[in-house]
Amino acid sequence: MKYIQGKWENTIVIQKSRFIAEAYRVNTVEEIEEILTAIRKKYYDATHHCFAYRLKDNIQKMSDDGEPAKTAGAPILDVILKRDITNILVVVTRYFGGILLGVGGLVRAYSGAASAVLDQAPLYKLSEQNKFQLTCSYSSYQTILKTMKYIQIENTSFLTEVTILGYCKKELFSKLKEDCYTYKIGDTQIMDLGVFPIEVPDDDGTLIE
């Protein structure tokens, strides 16, 4: 399963019809309903608000919102399923441009609009990551940034010393401690915060490998 984060938007124009595609990271049906209500209010004069969503446990729904059956919601959902994304809502708002697209044209338009917006969104996946807190000097901090590319930093506090809250793949936690020794970061203190499933970039080998 893959995930997006945040909200993404893209617009395409086909035969004078404008298709505004929006993709949202969602977790509940209630959240989805709130988003749909807001979109309908924002684009109150649009012709159609077609959508599809997928949540965990394969909970999914689609809507053609007045377009011919299976020409809008189904193509949107198909794009979501082919990319194996969950916890997502994709809404495609259409402003009719006066030219009929036909069944095949509508399927291609809604599929294309959904694909275009998701092409913009980086994908994430769950990976077992070892969280840690690391305290070091300012000079050691610069060494860590340059040499330990396999760690992901969530937060950094700069006081008398530097405190890093971050994570790395669990198999690499021992390497982190070894590297601190190798690079003579003798003033470093590492606190193991445990292993958790964390969303990491799907294409970032420094976190996955």
C-alpha atoms as a PDB file:
ATOM      1  CA  MET A   1       0.000   0.000   0.000  1.00  0.00           C
ATOM      2  CA  LYS A   2       1.135   3.509  -0.801  1.00  0.00           C
ATOM      3  CA  TYR A   3       0.074   6.913   0.477  1.00  0.00           C
ATOM      4  CA  ILE A   4       0.144  10.555  -0.523  1.00  0.00           C
ATOM      5  CA  GLN A   5       0.549  13.376   1.935  1.00  0.00           C
ATOM      6  CA  GLY A   6      -1.401  16.617   1.987  1.00  0.00           C
ATOM      7  CA  LYS A   7      -3.456  17.988  -0.901  1.00  0.00           C
ATOM      8  CA  TRP A   8      -2.613  18.217  -4.613  1.00  0.00           C
ATOM      9  CA  GLU A   9      -4.405  19.973  -7.469  1.00  0.00           C
ATOM     10  CA  ASN A  10      -4.138  20.036 -11.261  1.00  0.00           C
ATOM     11  CA  THR A  11      -6.344  21.274 -14.105  1.00  0.00           C
ATOM     12  CA  ILE A  12      -6.618  19.991 -17.665  1.00  0.00           C
ATOM     13  CA  VAL A  13      -8.781  21.280 -20.532  1.00  0.00           C
ATOM     14  CA  ILE A  14     -10.290  18.876 -23.069  1.00  0.00           C
ATOM     15  CA  GLN A  15     -12.555  20.078 -25.866  1.00  0.00           C
ATOM     16  CA  LYS A  16     -13.237  23.301 -23.940  1.00  0.00           C
ATOM     17  CA  SER A  17     -14.326  21.408 -20.800  1.00  0.00           C
ATOM     18  CA  ARG A  18     -12.234  22.188 -17.722  1.00  0.00           C
ATOM     19  CA  PHE A  19     -11.420  19.303 -15.368  1.00  0.00           C
ATOM     20  CA  ILE A  20     -10.129  20.366 -11.943  1.00  0.00           C
ATOM     21  CA  ALA A  21      -8.622  17.353 -10.173  1.00  0.00           C
ATOM     22  CA  GLU A  22      -7.874  17.425  -6.452  1.00  0.00           C
ATOM     23  CA  ALA A  23      -6.239  14.625  -4.461  1.00  0.00           C
ATOM     24  CA  TYR A  24      -6.423  14.505  -0.673  1.00  0.00           C
ATOM     25  CA  ARG A  25      -4.868  12.350   2.021  1.00  0.00           C
ATOM     26  CA  VAL A  26      -7.812  11.200   4.135  1.00  0.00           C
ATOM     27  CA  ASN A  27      -8.410   8.820   7.027  1.00  0.00           C
ATOM     28  CA  THR A  28     -12.177   8.662   7.596  1.00  0.00           C
ATOM     29  CA  VAL A  29     -15.454   8.807   5.683  1.00  0.00           C
ATOM     30  CA  GLU A  30     -16.456  11.799   7.826  1.00  0.00           C
ATOM     31  CA  GLU A  31     -13.383  13.697   6.680  1.00  0.00           C
ATOM     32  CA  ILE A  32     -14.202  12.851   3.073  1.00  0.00           C
ATOM     33  CA  GLU A  33     -17.753  14.156   3.410  1.00  0.00           C
ATOM     34  CA  GLU A  34     -16.452  17.450   4.799  1.00  0.00           C
ATOM     35  CA  ILE A  35     -14.061  17.853   1.868  1.00  0.00           C
ATOM     36  CA  LEU A  36     -16.776  17.057  -0.687  1.00  0.00           C
ATOM     37  CA  THR A  37     -19.100  19.593   0.917  1.00  0.00           C
ATOM     38  CA  ALA A  38     -16.381  22.257   0.752  1.00  0.00           C
ATOM     39  CA  ILE A  39     -15.596  21.502  -2.906  1.00  0.00           C
ATOM     40  CA  ARG A  40     -19.253  21.675  -3.916  1.00  0.00           C
ATOM     41  CA  LYS A  41     -19.510  25.016  -2.173  1.00  0.00           C
ATOM     42  CA  LYS A  42     -16.299  26.347  -3.726  1.00  0.00           C
ATOM     43  CA  TYR A  43     -17.232  25.262  -7.266  1.00  0.00           C
ATOM     44  CA  TYR A  44     -20.961  25.776  -6.856  1.00  0.00           C
ATOM     45  CA  ASP A  45     -21.455  26.575 -10.541  1.00  0.00           C
ATOM     46  CA  ALA A  46     -19.625  23.491 -11.873  1.00  0.00           C
ATOM     47  CA  THR A  47     -21.412  20.865 -13.963  1.00  0.00           C
ATOM     48  CA  HIS A  48     -20.185  17.755 -12.119  1.00  0.00           C
ATOM     49  CA  HIS A  49     -18.205  16.792  -9.012  1.00  0.00           C
ATOM     50  CA  CYS A  50     -17.099  13.210  -9.665  1.00  0.00           C
ATOM     51  CA  PHE A  51     -14.981  11.353  -7.159  1.00  0.00           C
ATOM     52  CA  ALA A  52     -13.558   8.108  -5.872  1.00  0.00           C
ATOM     53  CA  TYR A  53     -11.954   7.223  -2.592  1.00  0.00           C
ATOM     54  CA  ARG A  54     -10.200   4.317  -0.963  1.00  0.00           C
ATOM     55  CA  LEU A  55      -9.554   3.757   2.728  1.00  0.00           C
ATOM     56  CA  LYS A  56      -7.881   0.952   4.668  1.00  0.00           C
ATOM     57  CA  ASP A  57      -9.604  -2.440   4.757  1.00  0.00           C
ATOM     58  CA  ASN A  58     -10.421  -1.797   1.075  1.00  0.00           C
ATOM     59  CA  ILE A  59     -13.289   0.570   1.873  1.00  0.00           C
ATOM     60  CA  GLN A  60     -13.980   2.365  -1.392  1.00  0.00           C
ATOM     61  CA  LYS A  61     -16.666   4.376  -3.155  1.00  0.00           C
ATOM     62  CA  MET A  62     -17.079   6.216  -6.438  1.00  0.00           C
ATOM     63  CA  SER A  63     -19.572   8.668  -7.903  1.00  0.00           C
ATOM     64  CA  ASP A  64     -20.337   9.739 -11.487  1.00  0.00           C
ATOM     65  CA  ASP A  65     -22.398  12.690 -10.211  1.00  0.00           C
ATOM     66  CA  GLY A  66     -24.635  12.849 -13.260  1.00  0.00           C
ATOM     67  CA  GLU A  67     -22.160  11.745 -15.903  1.00  0.00           C
ATOM     68  CA  PRO A  68     -23.075   8.536 -17.800  1.00  0.00           C
ATOM     69  CA  ALA A  69     -22.627   5.429 -15.648  1.00  0.00           C
ATOM     70  CA  LYS A  70     -19.023   4.267 -15.162  1.00  0.00           C
ATOM     71  CA  THR A  71     -17.506   7.115 -17.187  1.00  0.00           C
ATOM     72  CA  ALA A  72     -16.170   9.198 -14.290  1.00  0.00           C
ATOM     73  CA  GLY A  73     -16.018   7.618 -10.824  1.00  0.00           C
ATOM     74  CA  ALA A  74     -14.881   4.231 -12.101  1.00  0.00           C
ATOM     75  CA  PRO A  75     -11.940   5.588 -14.149  1.00  0.00           C
ATOM     76  CA  ILE A  76     -10.826   7.683 -11.168  1.00  0.00           C
ATOM     77  CA  LEU A  77     -10.975   4.666  -8.857  1.00  0.00           C
ATOM     78  CA  ASP A  78      -9.136   2.559 -11.418  1.00  0.00           C
ATOM     79  CA  VAL A  79      -6.214   5.013 -11.365  1.00  0.00           C
ATOM     80  CA  ILE A  80      -6.115   4.824  -7.559  1.00  0.00           C
ATOM     81  CA  LEU A  81      -6.186   1.018  -7.536  1.00  0.00           C
ATOM     82  CA  LYS A  82      -3.539   0.623 -10.240  1.00  0.00           C
ATOM     83  CA  ARG A  83      -1.175   2.788  -8.208  1.00  0.00           C
ATOM     84  CA  ASP A  84      -2.065   0.855  -5.049  1.00  0.00           C
ATOM     85  CA  ILE A  85      -2.803   4.023  -3.074  1.00  0.00           C
ATOM     86  CA  THR A  86      -4.982   3.981   0.029  1.00  0.00           C
ATOM     87  CA  ASN A  87      -6.362   6.638   2.382  1.00  0.00           C
ATOM     88  CA  ILE A  88      -7.006   8.869  -0.613  1.00  0.00           C
ATOM     89  CA  LEU A  89      -9.814  10.919  -2.102  1.00  0.00           C
ATOM     90  CA  VAL A  90      -9.660  12.157  -5.702  1.00  0.00           C
ATOM     91  CA  VAL A  91     -12.309  14.620  -6.866  1.00  0.00           C
ATOM     92  CA  VAL A  92     -12.585  15.800 -10.458  1.00  0.00           C
ATOM     93  CA  THR A  93     -14.773  18.869 -10.930  1.00  0.00           C
ATOM     94  CA  ARG A  94     -15.947  19.492 -14.485  1.00  0.00           C
ATOM     95  CA  TYR A  95     -17.003  22.725 -16.101  1.00  0.00           C
ATOM     96  CA  PHE A  96     -18.782  21.684 -19.304  1.00  0.00           C
ATOM     97  CA  GLY A  97     -17.380  23.422 -22.363  1.00  0.00           C
ATOM     98  CA  GLY A  98     -20.288  22.775 -24.727  1.00  0.00           C
ATOM     99  CA  ILE A  99     -18.787  19.842 -26.653  1.00  0.00           C
ATOM    100  CA  LEU A 100     -19.959  16.297 -25.899  1.00  0.00           C
ATOM    101  CA  LEU A 101     -17.041  13.912 -25.377  1.00  0.00           C
ATOM    102  CA  GLY A 102     -18.861  10.597 -25.691  1.00  0.00           C
ATOM    103  CA  VAL A 103     -18.436   7.629 -23.380  1.00  0.00           C
ATOM    104  CA  GLY A 104     -14.853   6.863 -24.396  1.00  0.00           C
ATOM    105  CA  GLY A 105     -13.883  10.508 -24.272  1.00  0.00           C
ATOM    106  CA  LEU A 106     -15.281  10.925 -20.772  1.00  0.00           C
ATOM    107  CA  VAL A 107     -13.442   7.853 -19.496  1.00  0.00           C
ATOM    108  CA  ARG A 108     -10.167   9.146 -20.919  1.00  0.00           C
ATOM    109  CA  ALA A 109     -10.791  12.649 -19.566  1.00  0.00           C
ATOM    110  CA  TYR A 110     -11.527  11.598 -15.989  1.00  0.00           C
ATOM    111  CA  SER A 111      -8.770   8.988 -15.989  1.00  0.00           C
ATOM    112  CA  GLY A 112      -6.340  11.517 -17.406  1.00  0.00           C
ATOM    113  CA  ALA A 113      -7.309  14.177 -14.881  1.00  0.00           C
ATOM    114  CA  ALA A 114      -6.839  11.757 -11.968  1.00  0.00           C
ATOM    115  CA  SER A 115      -3.520  10.513 -13.337  1.00  0.00           C
ATOM    116  CA  ALA A 116      -2.221  14.040 -13.888  1.00  0.00           C
ATOM    117  CA  VAL A 117      -2.858  15.157 -10.323  1.00  0.00           C
ATOM    118  CA  LEU A 118      -1.381  11.967  -8.848  1.00  0.00           C
ATOM    119  CA  ASP A 119       1.705  12.319 -11.045  1.00  0.00           C
ATOM    120  CA  GLN A 120       2.500  15.407  -8.971  1.00  0.00           C
ATOM    121  CA  ALA A 121       2.155  13.716  -5.583  1.00  0.00           C
ATOM    122  CA  PRO A 122       5.183  11.873  -4.141  1.00  0.00           C
ATOM    123  CA  LEU A 123       4.255   8.425  -2.845  1.00  0.00           C
ATOM    124  CA  TYR A 124       5.063   7.089   0.590  1.00  0.00           C
ATOM    125  CA  LYS A 125       4.922   3.645   2.139  1.00  0.00           C
ATOM    126  CA  LEU A 126       5.114   2.225   5.644  1.00  0.00           C
ATOM    127  CA  SER A 127       8.506   0.962   6.709  1.00  0.00           C
ATOM    128  CA  GLU A 128       9.802  -0.271  10.055  1.00  0.00           C
ATOM    129  CA  GLN A 129      11.991   2.588  11.245  1.00  0.00           C
ATOM    130  CA  ASN A 130      14.085   3.010  14.372  1.00  0.00           C
ATOM    131  CA  LYS A 131      13.394   6.374  16.013  1.00  0.00           C
ATOM    132  CA  PHE A 132      16.167   7.984  18.011  1.00  0.00           C
ATOM    133  CA  GLN A 133      17.222  11.115  19.828  1.00  0.00           C
ATOM    134  CA  LEU A 134      20.805  12.185  19.276  1.00  0.00           C
ATOM    135  CA  THR A 135      22.633  14.933  21.162  1.00  0.00           C
ATOM    136  CA  CYS A 136      25.909  16.300  19.850  1.00  0.00           C
ATOM    137  CA  SER A 137      28.086  19.379  19.389  1.00  0.00           C
ATOM    138  CA  TYR A 138      27.591  21.819  16.534  1.00  0.00           C
ATOM    139  CA  SER A 139      30.676  20.565  14.698  1.00  0.00           C
ATOM    140  CA  SER A 140      29.514  16.955  15.075  1.00  0.00           C
ATOM    141  CA  TYR A 141      26.116  17.941  13.727  1.00  0.00           C
ATOM    142  CA  GLN A 142      27.696  19.135  10.482  1.00  0.00           C
ATOM    143  CA  THR A 143      29.578  15.837  10.196  1.00  0.00           C
ATOM    144  CA  ILE A 144      26.337  13.899  10.673  1.00  0.00           C
ATOM    145  CA  LEU A 145      24.600  15.876   7.910  1.00  0.00           C
ATOM    146  CA  LYS A 146      27.433  15.236   5.470  1.00  0.00           C
ATOM    147  CA  THR A 147      28.088  11.568   6.163  1.00  0.00           C
ATOM    148  CA  MET A 148      24.914   9.885   7.467  1.00  0.00           C
ATOM    149  CA  LYS A 149      22.578  10.243   4.528  1.00  0.00           C
ATOM    150  CA  TYR A 150      20.518   7.223   5.598  1.00  0.00           C
ATOM    151  CA  ILE A 151      18.903   9.029   8.541  1.00  0.00           C
ATOM    152  CA  GLN A 152      15.796  11.179   8.311  1.00  0.00           C
ATOM    153  CA  ILE A 153      15.602  14.170  10.638  1.00  0.00           C
ATOM    154  CA  GLU A 154      12.168  15.080  12.015  1.00  0.00           C
ATOM    155  CA  ASN A 155      13.188  17.917  14.303  1.00  0.00           C
ATOM    156  CA  THR A 156      16.362  19.680  15.417  1.00  0.00           C
ATOM    157  CA  SER A 157      16.860  21.779  18.540  1.00  0.00           C
ATOM    158  CA  PHE A 158      19.804  24.190  18.717  1.00  0.00           C
ATOM    159  CA  LEU A 159      20.743  25.109  22.276  1.00  0.00           C
ATOM    160  CA  THR A 160      24.096  24.646  24.029  1.00  0.00           C
ATOM    161  CA  GLU A 161      24.258  21.427  22.048  1.00  0.00           C
ATOM    162  CA  VAL A 162      22.290  20.130  19.075  1.00  0.00           C
ATOM    163  CA  THR A 163      19.503  17.635  19.716  1.00  0.00           C
ATOM    164  CA  ILE A 164      18.237  15.650  16.733  1.00  0.00           C
ATOM    165  CA  LEU A 165      14.994  13.699  16.681  1.00  0.00           C
ATOM    166  CA  GLY A 166      15.058  11.345  13.715  1.00  0.00           C
ATOM    167  CA  TYR A 167      14.737   7.840  12.368  1.00  0.00           C
ATOM    168  CA  CYS A 168      16.409   5.323  10.105  1.00  0.00           C
ATOM    169  CA  LYS A 169      15.608   1.838   8.900  1.00  0.00           C
ATOM    170  CA  LYS A 170      15.819  -0.453  11.911  1.00  0.00           C
ATOM    171  CA  GLU A 171      18.621  -2.520  10.364  1.00  0.00           C
ATOM    172  CA  LEU A 172      20.727   0.652  10.124  1.00  0.00           C
ATOM    173  CA  PHE A 173      20.471   1.775  13.744  1.00  0.00           C
ATOM    174  CA  SER A 174      23.606  -0.174  14.680  1.00  0.00           C
ATOM    175  CA  LYS A 175      25.378   1.462  11.715  1.00  0.00           C
ATOM    176  CA  LEU A 176      24.408   4.880  13.093  1.00  0.00           C
ATOM    177  CA  LYS A 177      26.156   4.078  16.370  1.00  0.00           C
ATOM    178  CA  GLU A 178      29.166   2.649  14.545  1.00  0.00           C
ATOM    179  CA  ASP A 179      29.441   5.708  12.302  1.00  0.00           C
ATOM    180  CA  CYS A 180      29.384   8.020  15.291  1.00  0.00           C
ATOM    181  CA  TYR A 181      32.417   6.124  16.579  1.00  0.00           C
ATOM    182  CA  THR A 182      34.114   5.987  13.168  1.00  0.00           C
ATOM    183  CA  TYR A 183      33.800   9.733  12.619  1.00  0.00           C
ATOM    184  CA  LYS A 184      34.986  10.377  16.173  1.00  0.00           C
ATOM    185  CA  ILE A 185      31.786  12.001  17.290  1.00  0.00           C
ATOM    186  CA  GLY A 186      32.697  11.099  20.826  1.00  0.00           C
ATOM    187  CA  ASP A 187      30.397  13.642  22.452  1.00  0.00           C
ATOM    188  CA  THR A 188      27.306  12.094  20.880  1.00  0.00           C
ATOM    189  CA  GLN A 189      24.586  10.583  23.023  1.00  0.00           C
ATOM    190  CA  ILE A 190      22.050   8.364  21.260  1.00  0.00           C
ATOM    191  CA  MET A 191      18.733   7.411  22.830  1.00  0.00           C
ATOM    192  CA  ASP A 192      16.885   4.483  21.220  1.00  0.00           C
ATOM    193  CA  LEU A 193      13.179   5.424  21.105  1.00  0.00           C
ATOM    194  CA  GLY A 194      12.030   2.120  19.606  1.00  0.00           C
ATOM    195  CA  VAL A 195      10.855   0.759  16.267  1.00  0.00           C
ATOM    196  CA  PHE A 196       7.696   2.120  14.640  1.00  0.00           C
ATOM    197  CA  PRO A 197       5.957   1.854  11.245  1.00  0.00           C
ATOM    198  CA  ILE A 198       6.687   5.227   9.631  1.00  0.00           C
ATOM    199  CA  GLU A 199       5.749   6.589   6.228  1.00  0.00           C
ATOM    200  CA  VAL A 200       8.880   7.075   4.154  1.00  0.00           C
ATOM    201  CA  PRO A 201       9.332   8.152   0.513  1.00  0.00           C
ATOM    202  CA  ASP A 202       8.612   5.221  -1.779  1.00  0.00           C
ATOM    203  CA  ASP A 203      11.556   6.049  -4.049  1.00  0.00           C
ATOM    204  CA  ASP A 204      14.140   7.053  -1.449  1.00  0.00           C
ATOM    205  CA  GLY A 205      16.664   4.260  -1.195  1.00  0.00           C
ATOM    206  CA  THR A 206      18.522   5.920   1.688  1.00  0.00           C
ATOM    207  CA  LEU A 207      15.552   5.140   3.903  1.00  0.00           C
ATOM    208  CA  ILE A 208      14.388   1.867   2.425  1.00  0.00           C
ATOM    209  CA  GLU A 209      17.595  -0.046   1.797  1.00  0.00           C
END
